[in-house]
Amino acid sequence: MTALRTPRLSLHPIDAAEGERIVGRRPAAGDAWVEDFPFDGDVNGVTAFLRATAAHGDQRPFGHYRITRTADGKAIGGIGFKGQPDDGCVEVGYGLSPSARGHGYAAEALVALLKVAADHGLSRVVADTTADNVASQRTLERAGFRHTGTKDDLCRYEIFLELESLRPETSGNPHRAGRGSLDIYP
């Protein structure tokens, strides 16, 4: 499986060996990481990916992706699916190293992951974040998600997807910006 590309990022689907390096915070020769990668959120997400891989085999394309900034070739975070699709729906999670936050990278990576979901026939993607994580809530909203409710300390978000051929007359639609042929319906 090849990496996903965005204007500023590369999303590389990790395997178990790379996952073990990330969880162990031990880069191998050729791994280029920003100083604060992986942060605790990366380790938690990759640990869940490794458990799913051990129990069910290769998770790709619905696995975990290392987010690399193309400007310097360094890993800055991770994004992935929290399990395999169920009834046309899948959950996503993401995180960036503190030094990479505030530049719109998470929303850009999230839109690329939505394209994967749409390309595999899924109709809905969900995510959650804690009520106090306003930055993550804004990231989800920038990527086209809408808030569907709060339970306990978690804010739930969802987005409906439909893949259609690229139509020039929709290029001004803000829900299509930067998404190629992906239409998003909040």
N, C-alpha and C. Protein backbone atom coordinates (compact mmCIF):
# COMPACT_ATOMS: atom_id res chain seq x y z
N MET A 1 0.85 -1.17 0.00
CA MET A 1 0.00 0.00 0.00
C MET A 1 0.89 1.24 0.00
N THR A 2 0.57 2.19 -0.82
CA THR A 2 1.39 3.40 -0.94
C THR A 2 0.93 4.46 0.04
N ALA A 3 1.80 5.42 0.27
CA ALA A 3 1.50 6.53 1.16
C ALA A 3 0.44 7.43 0.54
N LEU A 4 -0.32 8.09 1.39
CA LEU A 4 -1.28 9.10 0.95
C LEU A 4 -0.54 10.43 0.92
N ARG A 5 -0.84 11.25 -0.07
CA ARG A 5 -0.16 12.54 -0.20
C ARG A 5 -1.18 13.67 -0.12
N THR A 6 -0.80 14.73 0.57
CA THR A 6 -1.56 15.97 0.62
C THR A 6 -0.59 17.07 0.22
N PRO A 7 -1.05 18.30 0.12
CA PRO A 7 -0.12 19.37 -0.28
C PRO A 7 1.13 19.48 0.61
N ARG A 8 0.99 19.18 1.92
CA ARG A 8 2.13 19.37 2.83
C ARG A 8 2.55 18.12 3.58
N LEU A 9 1.83 17.03 3.38
CA LEU A 9 2.06 15.84 4.20
C LEU A 9 2.13 14.57 3.39
N SER A 10 2.74 13.57 4.00
CA SER A 10 2.69 12.19 3.51
C SER A 10 2.17 11.35 4.67
N LEU A 11 1.17 10.52 4.40
CA LEU A 11 0.63 9.62 5.41
C LEU A 11 1.05 8.21 5.02
N HIS A 12 1.96 7.66 5.79
CA HIS A 12 2.55 6.35 5.50
C HIS A 12 1.85 5.29 6.34
N PRO A 13 1.25 4.26 5.70
CA PRO A 13 0.62 3.18 6.48
C PRO A 13 1.71 2.38 7.19
N ILE A 14 1.64 2.32 8.51
CA ILE A 14 2.68 1.62 9.24
C ILE A 14 2.38 0.12 9.29
N ASP A 15 3.43 -0.65 9.54
CA ASP A 15 3.29 -2.08 9.78
C ASP A 15 3.65 -2.34 11.24
N ALA A 16 3.60 -3.60 11.66
CA ALA A 16 3.86 -3.93 13.05
C ALA A 16 5.28 -3.56 13.47
N ALA A 17 6.26 -3.75 12.60
CA ALA A 17 7.65 -3.43 12.96
C ALA A 17 7.81 -1.93 13.24
N GLU A 18 7.25 -1.11 12.38
CA GLU A 18 7.33 0.34 12.63
C GLU A 18 6.53 0.71 13.86
N GLY A 19 5.40 0.06 14.05
CA GLY A 19 4.59 0.31 15.23
C GLY A 19 5.36 0.01 16.51
N GLU A 20 6.11 -1.08 16.53
CA GLU A 20 6.93 -1.42 17.70
C GLU A 20 7.98 -0.35 17.97
N ARG A 21 8.59 0.19 16.91
CA ARG A 21 9.58 1.25 17.09
C ARG A 21 8.94 2.50 17.68
N ILE A 22 7.75 2.84 17.19
CA ILE A 22 7.06 4.03 17.69
C ILE A 22 6.69 3.84 19.15
N VAL A 23 6.09 2.71 19.49
CA VAL A 23 5.69 2.45 20.88
C VAL A 23 6.91 2.44 21.80
N GLY A 24 8.02 1.88 21.31
CA GLY A 24 9.24 1.84 22.10
C GLY A 24 10.04 3.13 22.07
N ARG A 25 9.58 4.08 21.25
CA ARG A 25 10.28 5.36 21.09
C ARG A 25 11.75 5.15 20.71
N ARG A 26 11.95 4.20 19.79
CA ARG A 26 13.28 3.84 19.31
C ARG A 26 13.33 3.92 17.79
N PRO A 27 13.71 5.07 17.24
CA PRO A 27 13.79 5.15 15.78
C PRO A 27 14.89 4.26 15.23
N ALA A 28 14.65 3.70 14.08
CA ALA A 28 15.66 2.90 13.38
C ALA A 28 16.39 3.80 12.40
N ALA A 29 17.47 3.28 11.84
CA ALA A 29 18.18 4.02 10.80
C ALA A 29 17.17 4.35 9.70
N GLY A 30 17.13 5.58 9.26
CA GLY A 30 16.20 6.00 8.23
C GLY A 30 14.93 6.61 8.76
N ASP A 31 14.60 6.41 10.05
CA ASP A 31 13.43 7.06 10.64
C ASP A 31 13.81 8.50 10.97
N ALA A 32 13.05 9.45 10.49
CA ALA A 32 13.27 10.86 10.78
C ALA A 32 12.08 11.38 11.57
N TRP A 33 12.29 11.70 12.81
CA TRP A 33 11.22 12.15 13.70
C TRP A 33 11.54 13.53 14.26
N VAL A 34 10.51 14.37 14.42
CA VAL A 34 10.72 15.61 15.17
C VAL A 34 11.07 15.22 16.61
N GLU A 35 11.68 16.12 17.34
CA GLU A 35 12.18 15.79 18.68
C GLU A 35 11.11 15.26 19.63
N ASP A 36 9.90 15.75 19.53
CA ASP A 36 8.85 15.33 20.46
C ASP A 36 7.92 14.26 19.89
N PHE A 37 8.37 13.55 18.86
CA PHE A 37 7.64 12.39 18.33
C PHE A 37 8.35 11.14 18.78
N PRO A 38 7.64 10.13 19.17
CA PRO A 38 6.19 10.09 19.39
C PRO A 38 5.83 10.67 20.76
N PHE A 39 4.68 11.29 20.83
CA PHE A 39 4.18 11.75 22.12
C PHE A 39 3.24 10.68 22.66
N ASP A 40 2.75 10.84 23.85
CA ASP A 40 1.93 9.80 24.50
C ASP A 40 0.73 9.39 23.67
N GLY A 41 0.08 10.35 23.00
CA GLY A 41 -1.07 10.01 22.15
C GLY A 41 -0.69 9.08 21.01
N ASP A 42 0.48 9.30 20.41
CA ASP A 42 0.97 8.40 19.35
C ASP A 42 1.14 6.99 19.90
N VAL A 43 1.78 6.89 21.05
CA VAL A 43 2.04 5.58 21.65
C VAL A 43 0.73 4.87 21.94
N ASN A 44 -0.26 5.57 22.47
CA ASN A 44 -1.56 4.95 22.76
C ASN A 44 -2.25 4.46 21.48
N GLY A 45 -2.28 5.30 20.45
CA GLY A 45 -2.92 4.92 19.19
C GLY A 45 -2.23 3.75 18.51
N VAL A 46 -0.91 3.76 18.50
CA VAL A 46 -0.17 2.68 17.86
C VAL A 46 -0.27 1.39 18.67
N THR A 47 -0.33 1.50 19.99
CA THR A 47 -0.51 0.31 20.82
C THR A 47 -1.83 -0.38 20.49
N ALA A 48 -2.89 0.39 20.31
CA ALA A 48 -4.19 -0.17 19.92
C ALA A 48 -4.09 -0.81 18.54
N PHE A 49 -3.40 -0.17 17.62
CA PHE A 49 -3.19 -0.73 16.28
C PHE A 49 -2.45 -2.06 16.37
N LEU A 50 -1.40 -2.13 17.19
CA LEU A 50 -0.63 -3.38 17.32
C LEU A 50 -1.48 -4.50 17.92
N ARG A 51 -2.33 -4.18 18.89
CA ARG A 51 -3.23 -5.19 19.46
C ARG A 51 -4.19 -5.72 18.40
N ALA A 52 -4.76 -4.82 17.61
CA ALA A 52 -5.69 -5.24 16.55
C ALA A 52 -4.97 -6.07 15.50
N THR A 53 -3.76 -5.70 15.15
CA THR A 53 -2.98 -6.44 14.16
C THR A 53 -2.66 -7.84 14.69
N ALA A 54 -2.27 -7.94 15.95
CA ALA A 54 -1.96 -9.24 16.54
C ALA A 54 -3.19 -10.14 16.58
N ALA A 55 -4.34 -9.56 16.84
CA ALA A 55 -5.57 -10.35 16.96
C ALA A 55 -6.19 -10.68 15.62
N HIS A 56 -6.08 -9.77 14.63
CA HIS A 56 -6.84 -9.94 13.39
C HIS A 56 -6.02 -9.86 12.11
N GLY A 57 -4.72 -9.67 12.21
CA GLY A 57 -3.88 -9.58 11.01
C GLY A 57 -3.77 -8.14 10.52
N ASP A 58 -3.22 -8.02 9.33
CA ASP A 58 -2.96 -6.71 8.73
C ASP A 58 -4.24 -5.87 8.69
N GLN A 59 -4.17 -4.66 9.19
CA GLN A 59 -5.33 -3.78 9.29
C GLN A 59 -5.49 -2.85 8.09
N ARG A 60 -4.47 -2.77 7.24
CA ARG A 60 -4.51 -1.82 6.13
C ARG A 60 -5.60 -2.14 5.12
N PRO A 61 -6.27 -1.15 4.58
CA PRO A 61 -6.02 0.29 4.70
C PRO A 61 -6.62 0.93 5.95
N PHE A 62 -7.33 0.13 6.77
CA PHE A 62 -7.99 0.70 7.95
C PHE A 62 -7.13 0.55 9.19
N GLY A 63 -5.86 0.87 9.04
CA GLY A 63 -4.90 0.80 10.13
C GLY A 63 -4.47 2.19 10.57
N HIS A 64 -3.20 2.28 10.88
CA HIS A 64 -2.62 3.51 11.42
C HIS A 64 -1.61 4.06 10.42
N TYR A 65 -1.53 5.38 10.34
CA TYR A 65 -0.64 6.06 9.41
C TYR A 65 0.28 7.02 10.16
N ARG A 66 1.54 7.01 9.82
CA ARG A 66 2.48 8.00 10.34
C ARG A 66 2.35 9.25 9.49
N ILE A 67 2.20 10.40 10.13
CA ILE A 67 2.10 11.68 9.43
C ILE A 67 3.50 12.27 9.32
N THR A 68 3.94 12.49 8.09
CA THR A 68 5.26 13.08 7.86
C THR A 68 5.09 14.40 7.13
N ARG A 69 5.76 15.41 7.63
CA ARG A 69 5.76 16.73 6.99
C ARG A 69 6.73 16.66 5.81
N THR A 70 6.25 16.95 4.61
CA THR A 70 7.10 16.82 3.42
C THR A 70 8.19 17.88 3.35
N ALA A 71 7.99 19.03 3.97
CA ALA A 71 8.99 20.10 3.91
C ALA A 71 10.34 19.65 4.47
N ASP A 72 10.32 18.85 5.54
CA ASP A 72 11.58 18.41 6.14
C ASP A 72 11.70 16.89 6.25
N GLY A 73 10.65 16.15 5.84
CA GLY A 73 10.70 14.69 5.87
C GLY A 73 10.63 14.08 7.25
N LYS A 74 10.14 14.82 8.25
CA LYS A 74 10.10 14.31 9.62
C LYS A 74 8.69 13.92 10.04
N ALA A 75 8.62 12.81 10.78
CA ALA A 75 7.35 12.36 11.34
C ALA A 75 6.91 13.35 12.40
N ILE A 76 5.63 13.74 12.34
CA ILE A 76 5.09 14.73 13.28
C ILE A 76 3.88 14.22 14.05
N GLY A 77 3.40 13.02 13.74
CA GLY A 77 2.23 12.51 14.43
C GLY A 77 1.68 11.27 13.76
N GLY A 78 0.46 10.94 14.16
CA GLY A 78 -0.19 9.76 13.60
C GLY A 78 -1.68 9.97 13.46
N ILE A 79 -2.26 9.16 12.59
CA ILE A 79 -3.70 9.21 12.34
C ILE A 79 -4.12 7.82 11.91
N GLY A 80 -5.31 7.45 12.24
CA GLY A 80 -5.73 6.12 11.81
C GLY A 80 -7.18 5.82 12.13
N PHE A 81 -7.53 4.64 11.70
CA PHE A 81 -8.87 4.12 11.93
C PHE A 81 -8.85 3.31 13.21
N LYS A 82 -9.89 3.45 14.01
CA LYS A 82 -9.99 2.71 15.27
C LYS A 82 -10.80 1.45 15.02
N GLY A 83 -10.21 0.54 14.28
CA GLY A 83 -10.87 -0.71 13.95
C GLY A 83 -11.34 -0.73 12.51
N GLN A 84 -11.88 -1.86 12.14
CA GLN A 84 -12.37 -2.07 10.79
C GLN A 84 -13.79 -1.50 10.66
N PRO A 85 -14.21 -1.18 9.45
CA PRO A 85 -15.55 -0.63 9.24
C PRO A 85 -16.64 -1.58 9.72
N ASP A 86 -17.73 -1.00 10.16
CA ASP A 86 -18.90 -1.76 10.58
C ASP A 86 -20.14 -1.06 10.02
N ASP A 87 -20.85 -1.77 9.16
CA ASP A 87 -22.10 -1.26 8.57
C ASP A 87 -21.89 0.10 7.89
N GLY A 88 -20.80 0.22 7.12
CA GLY A 88 -20.54 1.44 6.36
C GLY A 88 -19.95 2.59 7.16
N CYS A 89 -19.56 2.33 8.40
CA CYS A 89 -19.06 3.37 9.29
C CYS A 89 -17.73 2.95 9.90
N VAL A 90 -16.87 3.92 10.15
CA VAL A 90 -15.59 3.66 10.81
C VAL A 90 -15.26 4.85 11.69
N GLU A 91 -14.52 4.59 12.75
CA GLU A 91 -14.09 5.66 13.66
C GLU A 91 -12.63 6.00 13.39
N VAL A 92 -12.28 7.28 13.54
CA VAL A 92 -10.91 7.73 13.34
C VAL A 92 -10.39 8.42 14.60
N GLY A 93 -9.06 8.46 14.67
CA GLY A 93 -8.37 9.18 15.73
C GLY A 93 -7.08 9.74 15.18
N TYR A 94 -6.54 10.76 15.80
CA TYR A 94 -5.34 11.41 15.29
C TYR A 94 -4.65 12.16 16.42
N GLY A 95 -3.41 12.52 16.17
CA GLY A 95 -2.68 13.33 17.13
C GLY A 95 -1.39 13.83 16.51
N LEU A 96 -0.98 14.99 16.93
CA LEU A 96 0.26 15.58 16.46
C LEU A 96 1.18 15.85 17.64
N SER A 97 2.47 15.75 17.39
CA SER A 97 3.45 16.15 18.38
C SER A 97 3.22 17.62 18.71
N PRO A 98 3.43 18.02 19.95
CA PRO A 98 3.18 19.42 20.32
C PRO A 98 3.86 20.43 19.41
N SER A 99 5.05 20.14 18.93
CA SER A 99 5.77 21.11 18.08
C SER A 99 5.12 21.29 16.71
N ALA A 100 4.23 20.38 16.31
CA ALA A 100 3.60 20.45 14.98
C ALA A 100 2.18 20.97 15.03
N ARG A 101 1.69 21.26 16.20
CA ARG A 101 0.29 21.71 16.34
C ARG A 101 0.13 23.17 15.92
N GLY A 102 -1.10 23.50 15.50
CA GLY A 102 -1.43 24.88 15.18
C GLY A 102 -1.14 25.29 13.75
N HIS A 103 -0.85 24.32 12.88
CA HIS A 103 -0.54 24.63 11.48
C HIS A 103 -1.55 24.04 10.50
N GLY A 104 -2.61 23.41 11.01
CA GLY A 104 -3.63 22.81 10.15
C GLY A 104 -3.26 21.43 9.62
N TYR A 105 -2.18 20.84 10.12
CA TYR A 105 -1.76 19.53 9.63
C TYR A 105 -2.79 18.43 9.95
N ALA A 106 -3.37 18.47 11.14
CA ALA A 106 -4.31 17.41 11.53
C ALA A 106 -5.53 17.41 10.62
N ALA A 107 -6.09 18.57 10.33
CA ALA A 107 -7.26 18.63 9.45
C ALA A 107 -6.89 18.17 8.04
N GLU A 108 -5.71 18.53 7.57
CA GLU A 108 -5.25 18.11 6.24
C GLU A 108 -5.10 16.59 6.18
N ALA A 109 -4.53 16.01 7.22
CA ALA A 109 -4.38 14.55 7.27
C ALA A 109 -5.73 13.87 7.39
N LEU A 110 -6.62 14.45 8.16
CA LEU A 110 -7.96 13.88 8.34
C LEU A 110 -8.73 13.83 7.03
N VAL A 111 -8.63 14.87 6.23
CA VAL A 111 -9.30 14.88 4.93
C VAL A 111 -8.76 13.75 4.04
N ALA A 112 -7.45 13.50 4.09
CA ALA A 112 -6.87 12.40 3.32
C ALA A 112 -7.43 11.05 3.78
N LEU A 113 -7.61 10.89 5.09
CA LEU A 113 -8.16 9.65 5.62
C LEU A 113 -9.63 9.49 5.22
N LEU A 114 -10.36 10.59 5.15
CA LEU A 114 -11.75 10.52 4.69
C LEU A 114 -11.82 10.01 3.26
N LYS A 115 -10.86 10.38 2.46
CA LYS A 115 -10.81 9.90 1.06
C LYS A 115 -10.64 8.38 1.04
N VAL A 116 -9.80 7.84 1.91
CA VAL A 116 -9.63 6.39 2.00
C VAL A 116 -10.97 5.73 2.34
N ALA A 117 -11.64 6.28 3.33
CA ALA A 117 -12.94 5.72 3.73
C ALA A 117 -13.93 5.76 2.57
N ALA A 118 -14.01 6.88 1.88
CA ALA A 118 -14.94 7.02 0.75
C ALA A 118 -14.56 6.08 -0.39
N ASP A 119 -13.26 5.97 -0.67
CA ASP A 119 -12.81 5.09 -1.74
C ASP A 119 -13.12 3.62 -1.48
N HIS A 120 -13.33 3.27 -0.21
CA HIS A 120 -13.67 1.89 0.14
C HIS A 120 -15.16 1.73 0.44
N GLY A 121 -15.95 2.69 -0.06
CA GLY A 121 -17.40 2.55 -0.02
C GLY A 121 -18.07 2.88 1.29
N LEU A 122 -17.35 3.47 2.22
CA LEU A 122 -17.97 3.80 3.50
C LEU A 122 -18.81 5.07 3.35
N SER A 123 -19.84 5.16 4.17
CA SER A 123 -20.73 6.31 4.06
C SER A 123 -20.63 7.26 5.25
N ARG A 124 -20.01 6.80 6.34
CA ARG A 124 -19.98 7.64 7.54
C ARG A 124 -18.69 7.40 8.31
N VAL A 125 -18.13 8.48 8.84
CA VAL A 125 -16.95 8.42 9.69
C VAL A 125 -17.28 9.16 10.97
N VAL A 126 -16.90 8.58 12.10
CA VAL A 126 -17.16 9.20 13.39
C VAL A 126 -15.83 9.42 14.13
N ALA A 127 -15.87 10.33 15.09
CA ALA A 127 -14.72 10.63 15.92
C ALA A 127 -15.22 11.21 17.23
N ASP A 128 -14.39 11.13 18.24
CA ASP A 128 -14.73 11.80 19.48
C ASP A 128 -13.50 12.51 20.04
N THR A 129 -13.76 13.44 20.92
CA THR A 129 -12.71 14.19 21.59
C THR A 129 -13.24 14.63 22.94
N THR A 130 -12.35 14.90 23.84
CA THR A 130 -12.79 15.35 25.16
C THR A 130 -13.37 16.76 25.06
N ALA A 131 -14.26 17.07 25.97
CA ALA A 131 -14.95 18.36 25.95
C ALA A 131 -13.99 19.53 26.11
N ASP A 132 -12.87 19.33 26.77
CA ASP A 132 -11.92 20.42 26.97
C ASP A 132 -10.90 20.57 25.83
N ASN A 133 -10.93 19.67 24.83
CA ASN A 133 -9.97 19.73 23.73
C ASN A 133 -10.57 20.52 22.56
N VAL A 134 -10.61 21.83 22.74
CA VAL A 134 -11.21 22.72 21.75
C VAL A 134 -10.46 22.65 20.43
N ALA A 135 -9.14 22.52 20.46
CA ALA A 135 -8.35 22.46 19.23
C ALA A 135 -8.76 21.25 18.39
N SER A 136 -8.98 20.11 19.02
CA SER A 136 -9.40 18.92 18.28
C SER A 136 -10.82 19.10 17.74
N GLN A 137 -11.68 19.73 18.49
CA GLN A 137 -13.04 20.00 18.01
C GLN A 137 -12.99 20.87 16.76
N ARG A 138 -12.14 21.89 16.76
CA ARG A 138 -12.01 22.76 15.59
C ARG A 138 -11.41 22.02 14.41
N THR A 139 -10.48 21.11 14.68
CA THR A 139 -9.90 20.28 13.61
C THR A 139 -10.98 19.46 12.93
N LEU A 140 -11.81 18.81 13.71
CA LEU A 140 -12.89 18.01 13.15
C LEU A 140 -13.84 18.88 12.33
N GLU A 141 -14.18 20.03 12.85
CA GLU A 141 -15.09 20.93 12.12
C GLU A 141 -14.46 21.42 10.82
N ARG A 142 -13.16 21.75 10.83
CA ARG A 142 -12.49 22.19 9.60
C ARG A 142 -12.48 21.08 8.55
N ALA A 143 -12.45 19.84 9.00
CA ALA A 143 -12.46 18.71 8.06
C ALA A 143 -13.87 18.35 7.61
N GLY A 144 -14.89 19.06 8.11
CA GLY A 144 -16.26 18.84 7.66
C GLY A 144 -17.14 18.05 8.60
N PHE A 145 -16.62 17.62 9.74
CA PHE A 145 -17.42 16.89 10.72
C PHE A 145 -18.40 17.84 11.41
N ARG A 146 -19.49 17.27 11.91
CA ARG A 146 -20.42 18.06 12.70
C ARG A 146 -20.59 17.41 14.06
N HIS A 147 -20.80 18.24 15.06
CA HIS A 147 -20.98 17.77 16.43
C HIS A 147 -22.34 17.12 16.55
N THR A 148 -22.39 15.90 17.10
CA THR A 148 -23.66 15.18 17.22
C THR A 148 -24.12 15.01 18.65
N GLY A 149 -23.30 15.38 19.61
CA GLY A 149 -23.71 15.26 21.00
C GLY A 149 -22.53 15.07 21.92
N THR A 150 -22.83 15.17 23.20
CA THR A 150 -21.80 15.00 24.23
C THR A 150 -22.33 14.01 25.25
N LYS A 151 -21.48 13.06 25.63
CA LYS A 151 -21.84 12.10 26.66
C LYS A 151 -20.65 11.99 27.60
N ASP A 152 -20.93 12.16 28.87
CA ASP A 152 -19.88 12.22 29.88
C ASP A 152 -18.92 13.34 29.47
N ASP A 153 -17.66 13.04 29.24
CA ASP A 153 -16.69 14.08 28.86
C ASP A 153 -16.33 14.02 27.38
N LEU A 154 -17.06 13.23 26.59
CA LEU A 154 -16.71 13.07 25.17
C LEU A 154 -17.70 13.76 24.25
N CYS A 155 -17.15 14.54 23.34
CA CYS A 155 -17.93 15.17 22.28
C CYS A 155 -17.85 14.26 21.06
N ARG A 156 -18.99 13.86 20.53
CA ARG A 156 -19.05 12.98 19.36
C ARG A 156 -19.24 13.82 18.10
N TYR A 157 -18.56 13.40 17.03
CA TYR A 157 -18.65 14.06 15.73
C TYR A 157 -18.86 13.01 14.66
N GLU A 158 -19.46 13.42 13.55
CA GLU A 158 -19.63 12.52 12.41
C GLU A 158 -19.61 13.32 11.11
N ILE A 159 -19.36 12.58 10.06
CA ILE A 159 -19.41 13.14 8.72
C ILE A 159 -19.94 12.06 7.80
N PHE A 160 -20.79 12.45 6.85
CA PHE A 160 -21.30 11.54 5.84
C PHE A 160 -20.52 11.74 4.55
N LEU A 161 -20.18 10.66 3.89
CA LEU A 161 -19.33 10.70 2.70
C LEU A 161 -20.08 10.18 1.49
N GLU A 162 -19.75 10.77 0.35
CA GLU A 162 -20.23 10.24 -0.92
C GLU A 162 -19.17 10.53 -1.95
N LEU A 163 -18.72 9.51 -2.63
CA LEU A 163 -17.71 9.69 -3.66
C LEU A 163 -18.41 9.84 -5.00
N GLU A 164 -18.09 10.90 -5.69
CA GLU A 164 -18.65 11.10 -7.02
C GLU A 164 -17.55 11.64 -7.91
N SER A 165 -17.80 11.64 -9.19
CA SER A 165 -16.79 12.16 -10.10
C SER A 165 -16.60 13.65 -9.87
N LEU A 166 -15.41 14.11 -10.11
CA LEU A 166 -15.08 15.51 -9.92
C LEU A 166 -15.88 16.35 -10.91
N ARG A 167 -16.59 17.33 -10.37
CA ARG A 167 -17.38 18.23 -11.21
C ARG A 167 -16.86 19.64 -11.03
N PRO A 168 -16.44 20.30 -12.10
CA PRO A 168 -15.91 21.65 -11.97
C PRO A 168 -16.89 22.63 -11.33
N GLU A 169 -18.18 22.44 -11.51
CA GLU A 169 -19.14 23.41 -10.98
C GLU A 169 -19.22 23.36 -9.45
N THR A 170 -18.61 22.35 -8.81
CA THR A 170 -18.65 22.28 -7.36
C THR A 170 -17.34 22.76 -6.74
N SER A 171 -16.42 23.25 -7.55
CA SER A 171 -15.12 23.63 -7.01
C SER A 171 -15.20 24.77 -6.00
N GLY A 172 -16.25 25.56 -6.01
CA GLY A 172 -16.38 26.64 -5.03
C GLY A 172 -17.03 26.19 -3.73
N ASN A 173 -17.49 24.96 -3.67
CA ASN A 173 -18.13 24.44 -2.47
C ASN A 173 -17.08 24.24 -1.38
N PRO A 174 -17.23 24.87 -0.20
CA PRO A 174 -16.23 24.72 0.85
C PRO A 174 -16.11 23.29 1.35
N HIS A 175 -17.12 22.48 1.18
CA HIS A 175 -17.03 21.09 1.63
C HIS A 175 -16.24 20.23 0.66
N ARG A 176 -15.81 20.80 -0.46
CA ARG A 176 -15.03 20.06 -1.43
C ARG A 176 -13.57 20.54 -1.46
N ALA A 177 -13.27 21.62 -0.81
CA ALA A 177 -11.95 22.23 -0.91
C ALA A 177 -10.86 21.22 -0.57
N GLY A 178 -9.94 21.01 -1.50
CA GLY A 178 -8.80 20.14 -1.27
C GLY A 178 -9.12 18.67 -1.19
N ARG A 179 -10.29 18.24 -1.59
CA ARG A 179 -10.67 16.86 -1.39
C ARG A 179 -10.79 16.07 -2.70
N GLY A 180 -10.33 16.62 -3.78
CA GLY A 180 -10.44 15.88 -5.03
C GLY A 180 -11.88 15.56 -5.34
N SER A 181 -12.21 14.28 -5.50
CA SER A 181 -13.56 13.90 -5.87
C SER A 181 -14.41 13.49 -4.67
N LEU A 182 -14.03 13.88 -3.50
CA LEU A 182 -14.77 13.51 -2.32
C LEU A 182 -15.77 14.59 -1.95
N ASP A 183 -17.04 14.22 -1.90
CA ASP A 183 -18.06 15.14 -1.41
C ASP A 183 -18.33 14.80 0.04
N ILE A 184 -18.47 15.81 0.85
CA ILE A 184 -18.70 15.63 2.27
C ILE A 184 -19.98 16.32 2.65
N TYR A 185 -20.83 15.61 3.36
CA TYR A 185 -22.12 16.14 3.77
C TYR A 185 -22.22 16.13 5.28
N PRO A 186 -21.99 17.29 5.95
CA PRO A 186 -22.09 17.33 7.40
C PRO A 186 -23.52 17.14 7.88
